[in-house]
Amino acid sequence: MRGLVQRVTEAAVRVDGEFVGRIGPGLCVLVGVTHDDDGPAAAKLAAKLWMLRIFDDTDGAMNLSASDLGAEVLVISQFTLWGADMAVSLVNDGPVTLLVET
């Protein structure tokens, strides 16, 4: 399981013109799942994302996590089983982009 993580000031997902997810400052994660991935892999990725030190502390060093700040996380699957047309928008903060794997 892989997650492409972007630190954002805001992000949103629309399906058929309707917002289905929207956050302020936090993480926007594009997730890729393969046939070998299971519940424990998802839990491991979620824990990594929640504890990832990607936010600036008072000294400007990336030393704080979403957990530390109570930041929002928008997780977006990179495929849909129902063929929905998704429109993803985000404002990258930094920019900071990382690839996280289980």
N, C-alpha and C. Protein backbone atom coordinates (compact mmCIF):
# COMPACT_ATOMS: atom_id res chain seq x y z
N MET A 1 0.85 -1.17 0.00
CA MET A 1 0.00 0.00 0.00
C MET A 1 0.90 1.23 0.00
N ARG A 2 0.54 2.19 -0.82
CA ARG A 2 1.32 3.42 -0.93
C ARG A 2 0.43 4.63 -0.74
N GLY A 3 1.02 5.66 -0.16
CA GLY A 3 0.31 6.92 -0.03
C GLY A 3 1.21 8.06 -0.49
N LEU A 4 0.73 8.83 -1.45
CA LEU A 4 1.43 10.04 -1.86
C LEU A 4 0.87 11.17 -1.00
N VAL A 5 1.72 11.70 -0.13
CA VAL A 5 1.30 12.64 0.91
C VAL A 5 1.69 14.05 0.51
N GLN A 6 0.73 14.96 0.61
CA GLN A 6 1.01 16.37 0.36
C GLN A 6 0.50 17.18 1.54
N ARG A 7 1.38 18.04 2.07
CA ARG A 7 0.95 18.96 3.11
C ARG A 7 0.18 20.08 2.42
N VAL A 8 -1.02 20.36 2.90
CA VAL A 8 -1.89 21.31 2.21
C VAL A 8 -2.45 22.36 3.18
N THR A 9 -2.81 23.50 2.62
CA THR A 9 -3.56 24.49 3.39
C THR A 9 -5.05 24.23 3.27
N GLU A 10 -5.44 23.54 2.17
CA GLU A 10 -6.81 23.10 1.98
C GLU A 10 -6.85 22.08 0.85
N ALA A 11 -7.87 21.22 0.88
CA ALA A 11 -8.06 20.22 -0.17
C ALA A 11 -9.52 19.81 -0.20
N ALA A 12 -9.97 19.37 -1.36
CA ALA A 12 -11.37 18.96 -1.50
C ALA A 12 -11.50 17.93 -2.62
N VAL A 13 -12.56 17.12 -2.52
CA VAL A 13 -12.91 16.15 -3.56
C VAL A 13 -14.40 16.35 -3.87
N ARG A 14 -14.69 16.41 -5.17
CA ARG A 14 -16.07 16.50 -5.63
C ARG A 14 -16.37 15.30 -6.53
N VAL A 15 -17.57 14.77 -6.38
CA VAL A 15 -18.07 13.71 -7.26
C VAL A 15 -19.38 14.22 -7.83
N ASP A 16 -19.47 14.24 -9.14
CA ASP A 16 -20.67 14.75 -9.82
C ASP A 16 -21.04 16.15 -9.34
N GLY A 17 -20.03 16.98 -9.11
CA GLY A 17 -20.23 18.36 -8.72
C GLY A 17 -20.52 18.58 -7.25
N GLU A 18 -20.66 17.51 -6.46
CA GLU A 18 -20.97 17.61 -5.02
C GLU A 18 -19.72 17.33 -4.20
N PHE A 19 -19.45 18.17 -3.18
CA PHE A 19 -18.31 17.91 -2.30
C PHE A 19 -18.57 16.66 -1.47
N VAL A 20 -17.61 15.72 -1.51
CA VAL A 20 -17.71 14.51 -0.70
C VAL A 20 -16.63 14.49 0.36
N GLY A 21 -15.70 15.43 0.30
CA GLY A 21 -14.66 15.58 1.31
C GLY A 21 -13.99 16.91 1.15
N ARG A 22 -13.72 17.55 2.30
CA ARG A 22 -13.08 18.87 2.26
C ARG A 22 -12.37 19.09 3.59
N ILE A 23 -11.11 19.58 3.53
CA ILE A 23 -10.36 19.86 4.75
C ILE A 23 -9.69 21.23 4.65
N GLY A 24 -9.29 21.73 5.80
CA GLY A 24 -8.44 22.91 5.87
C GLY A 24 -7.00 22.44 5.96
N PRO A 25 -6.16 23.10 6.75
CA PRO A 25 -4.76 22.69 6.86
C PRO A 25 -4.62 21.24 7.32
N GLY A 26 -3.76 20.51 6.62
CA GLY A 26 -3.55 19.11 6.98
C GLY A 26 -2.82 18.36 5.89
N LEU A 27 -3.21 17.10 5.72
CA LEU A 27 -2.58 16.23 4.73
C LEU A 27 -3.61 15.76 3.72
N CYS A 28 -3.23 15.79 2.46
CA CYS A 28 -4.01 15.18 1.39
C CYS A 28 -3.21 13.96 0.94
N VAL A 29 -3.84 12.78 0.99
CA VAL A 29 -3.13 11.54 0.69
C VAL A 29 -3.83 10.80 -0.44
N LEU A 30 -3.09 10.57 -1.52
CA LEU A 30 -3.57 9.75 -2.62
C LEU A 30 -3.09 8.33 -2.36
N VAL A 31 -4.02 7.40 -2.17
CA VAL A 31 -3.67 6.04 -1.74
C VAL A 31 -3.83 5.05 -2.88
N GLY A 32 -2.81 4.22 -3.05
CA GLY A 32 -2.84 3.12 -4.01
C GLY A 32 -2.84 1.80 -3.27
N VAL A 33 -3.77 0.92 -3.65
CA VAL A 33 -3.94 -0.37 -2.99
C VAL A 33 -3.74 -1.47 -4.03
N THR A 34 -3.07 -2.54 -3.63
CA THR A 34 -2.88 -3.68 -4.51
C THR A 34 -3.53 -4.92 -3.89
N HIS A 35 -3.56 -6.00 -4.63
CA HIS A 35 -4.26 -7.21 -4.19
C HIS A 35 -3.67 -7.82 -2.92
N ASP A 36 -2.43 -7.54 -2.59
CA ASP A 36 -1.80 -8.08 -1.37
C ASP A 36 -2.12 -7.27 -0.13
N ASP A 37 -2.70 -6.08 -0.28
CA ASP A 37 -2.97 -5.21 0.86
C ASP A 37 -4.22 -5.68 1.61
N ASP A 38 -4.18 -5.48 2.93
CA ASP A 38 -5.29 -5.93 3.77
C ASP A 38 -5.51 -4.91 4.90
N GLY A 39 -6.39 -5.25 5.82
CA GLY A 39 -6.70 -4.36 6.94
C GLY A 39 -5.49 -3.96 7.76
N PRO A 40 -4.63 -4.90 8.15
CA PRO A 40 -3.43 -4.51 8.89
C PRO A 40 -2.51 -3.55 8.12
N ALA A 41 -2.41 -3.73 6.80
CA ALA A 41 -1.59 -2.81 5.99
C ALA A 41 -2.21 -1.41 6.01
N ALA A 42 -3.53 -1.33 5.92
CA ALA A 42 -4.21 -0.03 5.98
C ALA A 42 -4.00 0.64 7.33
N ALA A 43 -4.09 -0.14 8.40
CA ALA A 43 -3.87 0.41 9.75
C ALA A 43 -2.44 0.90 9.91
N LYS A 44 -1.48 0.16 9.35
CA LYS A 44 -0.07 0.56 9.42
C LYS A 44 0.17 1.87 8.67
N LEU A 45 -0.42 1.99 7.46
CA LEU A 45 -0.27 3.22 6.70
C LEU A 45 -0.92 4.39 7.43
N ALA A 46 -2.10 4.17 7.98
CA ALA A 46 -2.79 5.24 8.72
C ALA A 46 -1.96 5.72 9.90
N ALA A 47 -1.35 4.79 10.63
CA ALA A 47 -0.51 5.16 11.77
C ALA A 47 0.71 5.96 11.32
N LYS A 48 1.33 5.53 10.23
CA LYS A 48 2.49 6.26 9.70
C LYS A 48 2.11 7.69 9.31
N LEU A 49 0.96 7.82 8.64
CA LEU A 49 0.52 9.15 8.20
C LEU A 49 0.22 10.05 9.39
N TRP A 50 -0.45 9.51 10.41
CA TRP A 50 -0.85 10.29 11.58
C TRP A 50 0.36 10.77 12.37
N MET A 51 1.44 10.01 12.35
CA MET A 51 2.63 10.34 13.14
C MET A 51 3.76 10.96 12.31
N LEU A 52 3.56 11.11 11.01
CA LEU A 52 4.57 11.66 10.11
C LEU A 52 4.90 13.10 10.49
N ARG A 53 6.15 13.37 10.79
CA ARG A 53 6.58 14.72 11.21
C ARG A 53 6.84 15.57 9.98
N ILE A 54 5.77 16.23 9.52
CA ILE A 54 5.79 16.96 8.25
C ILE A 54 5.38 18.42 8.42
N PHE A 55 4.97 18.79 9.63
CA PHE A 55 4.55 20.17 9.90
C PHE A 55 5.62 20.93 10.67
N ASP A 56 5.71 22.23 10.42
CA ASP A 56 6.73 23.07 11.06
C ASP A 56 6.42 23.31 12.54
N ASP A 57 7.50 23.29 13.34
CA ASP A 57 7.38 23.71 14.73
C ASP A 57 7.63 25.21 14.81
N THR A 58 7.74 25.76 16.00
CA THR A 58 7.91 27.21 16.16
C THR A 58 9.25 27.69 15.62
N ASP A 59 10.22 26.79 15.46
CA ASP A 59 11.53 27.15 14.91
C ASP A 59 11.59 26.98 13.39
N GLY A 60 10.48 26.55 12.79
CA GLY A 60 10.45 26.37 11.34
C GLY A 60 10.98 25.02 10.88
N ALA A 61 11.26 24.11 11.81
CA ALA A 61 11.74 22.76 11.46
C ALA A 61 10.53 21.83 11.34
N MET A 62 10.56 20.92 10.35
CA MET A 62 9.48 19.95 10.22
C MET A 62 9.62 18.92 11.34
N ASN A 63 8.93 19.19 12.44
CA ASN A 63 9.09 18.39 13.64
C ASN A 63 7.76 18.04 14.29
N LEU A 64 6.63 18.39 13.65
CA LEU A 64 5.32 18.11 14.24
C LEU A 64 4.51 17.22 13.30
N SER A 65 3.66 16.41 13.88
CA SER A 65 2.82 15.49 13.10
C SER A 65 1.37 15.98 13.09
N ALA A 66 0.56 15.34 12.26
CA ALA A 66 -0.88 15.62 12.26
C ALA A 66 -1.46 15.33 13.63
N SER A 67 -0.94 14.30 14.28
CA SER A 67 -1.37 13.95 15.63
C SER A 67 -1.08 15.08 16.61
N ASP A 68 0.11 15.66 16.53
CA ASP A 68 0.50 16.75 17.43
C ASP A 68 -0.44 17.95 17.28
N LEU A 69 -0.85 18.21 16.04
CA LEU A 69 -1.63 19.42 15.74
C LEU A 69 -3.13 19.17 15.66
N GLY A 70 -3.54 17.91 15.64
CA GLY A 70 -4.94 17.61 15.41
C GLY A 70 -5.36 18.00 14.00
N ALA A 71 -4.40 17.92 13.07
CA ALA A 71 -4.64 18.33 11.68
C ALA A 71 -5.58 17.34 10.98
N GLU A 72 -6.27 17.82 9.97
CA GLU A 72 -7.16 16.98 9.20
C GLU A 72 -6.38 16.20 8.14
N VAL A 73 -6.92 15.04 7.78
CA VAL A 73 -6.31 14.20 6.74
C VAL A 73 -7.41 13.80 5.76
N LEU A 74 -7.20 14.12 4.49
CA LEU A 74 -8.13 13.73 3.44
C LEU A 74 -7.47 12.61 2.65
N VAL A 75 -8.06 11.42 2.69
CA VAL A 75 -7.52 10.24 2.01
C VAL A 75 -8.36 9.98 0.77
N ILE A 76 -7.68 9.88 -0.38
CA ILE A 76 -8.37 9.72 -1.65
C ILE A 76 -7.85 8.47 -2.34
N SER A 77 -8.74 7.54 -2.62
CA SER A 77 -8.37 6.33 -3.34
C SER A 77 -8.04 6.69 -4.79
N GLN A 78 -7.06 6.01 -5.36
CA GLN A 78 -6.66 6.28 -6.73
C GLN A 78 -7.40 5.43 -7.74
N PHE A 79 -8.48 4.85 -7.33
CA PHE A 79 -9.37 4.15 -8.26
C PHE A 79 -10.76 4.15 -7.62
N THR A 80 -11.76 3.94 -8.42
CA THR A 80 -13.11 3.79 -7.88
C THR A 80 -13.73 2.54 -8.45
N LEU A 81 -14.44 1.83 -7.63
CA LEU A 81 -15.09 0.61 -8.08
C LEU A 81 -16.34 0.92 -8.89
N TRP A 82 -16.91 2.10 -8.74
CA TRP A 82 -18.16 2.44 -9.39
C TRP A 82 -17.94 3.37 -10.59
N GLY A 83 -16.70 3.73 -10.91
CA GLY A 83 -16.42 4.56 -12.07
C GLY A 83 -16.80 6.00 -11.90
N ALA A 84 -16.89 6.51 -10.63
CA ALA A 84 -17.26 7.89 -10.35
C ALA A 84 -16.18 8.84 -10.87
N ASP A 85 -16.60 9.98 -11.40
CA ASP A 85 -15.68 10.99 -11.88
C ASP A 85 -15.36 11.93 -10.73
N MET A 86 -14.13 11.87 -10.22
CA MET A 86 -13.72 12.68 -9.07
C MET A 86 -12.94 13.90 -9.54
N ALA A 87 -13.19 15.03 -8.90
CA ALA A 87 -12.40 16.24 -9.13
C ALA A 87 -11.71 16.57 -7.82
N VAL A 88 -10.38 16.51 -7.82
CA VAL A 88 -9.59 16.77 -6.62
C VAL A 88 -8.92 18.12 -6.77
N SER A 89 -9.05 18.96 -5.74
CA SER A 89 -8.35 20.25 -5.74
C SER A 89 -7.61 20.39 -4.42
N LEU A 90 -6.44 21.03 -4.49
CA LEU A 90 -5.68 21.24 -3.26
C LEU A 90 -4.75 22.43 -3.43
N VAL A 91 -4.37 22.98 -2.28
CA VAL A 91 -3.36 24.03 -2.26
C VAL A 91 -2.19 23.45 -1.46
N ASN A 92 -1.11 23.14 -2.17
CA ASN A 92 0.09 22.55 -1.57
C ASN A 92 0.74 23.56 -0.64
N ASP A 93 1.16 23.13 0.53
CA ASP A 93 1.80 23.99 1.52
C ASP A 93 3.29 23.65 1.57
N GLY A 94 4.10 24.47 1.00
CA GLY A 94 5.54 24.24 1.04
C GLY A 94 6.21 24.47 -0.30
N PRO A 95 6.07 23.65 -1.27
CA PRO A 95 5.33 22.39 -1.25
C PRO A 95 6.11 21.29 -0.55
N VAL A 96 5.36 20.42 0.11
CA VAL A 96 5.92 19.24 0.76
C VAL A 96 5.16 18.04 0.23
N THR A 97 5.87 17.12 -0.43
CA THR A 97 5.27 15.92 -0.99
C THR A 97 6.19 14.74 -0.68
N LEU A 98 5.60 13.66 -0.13
CA LEU A 98 6.36 12.46 0.23
C LEU A 98 5.61 11.21 -0.21
N LEU A 99 6.36 10.14 -0.48
CA LEU A 99 5.78 8.83 -0.75
C LEU A 99 5.98 7.96 0.48
N VAL A 100 4.89 7.43 1.02
CA VAL A 100 4.94 6.58 2.22
C VAL A 100 4.41 5.21 1.84
N GLU A 101 5.13 4.15 2.23
CA GLU A 101 4.72 2.79 1.89
C GLU A 101 4.65 1.93 3.15
N THR A 102 3.85 0.86 3.07
CA THR A 102 3.80 -0.10 4.18
C THR A 102 4.75 -1.24 3.88
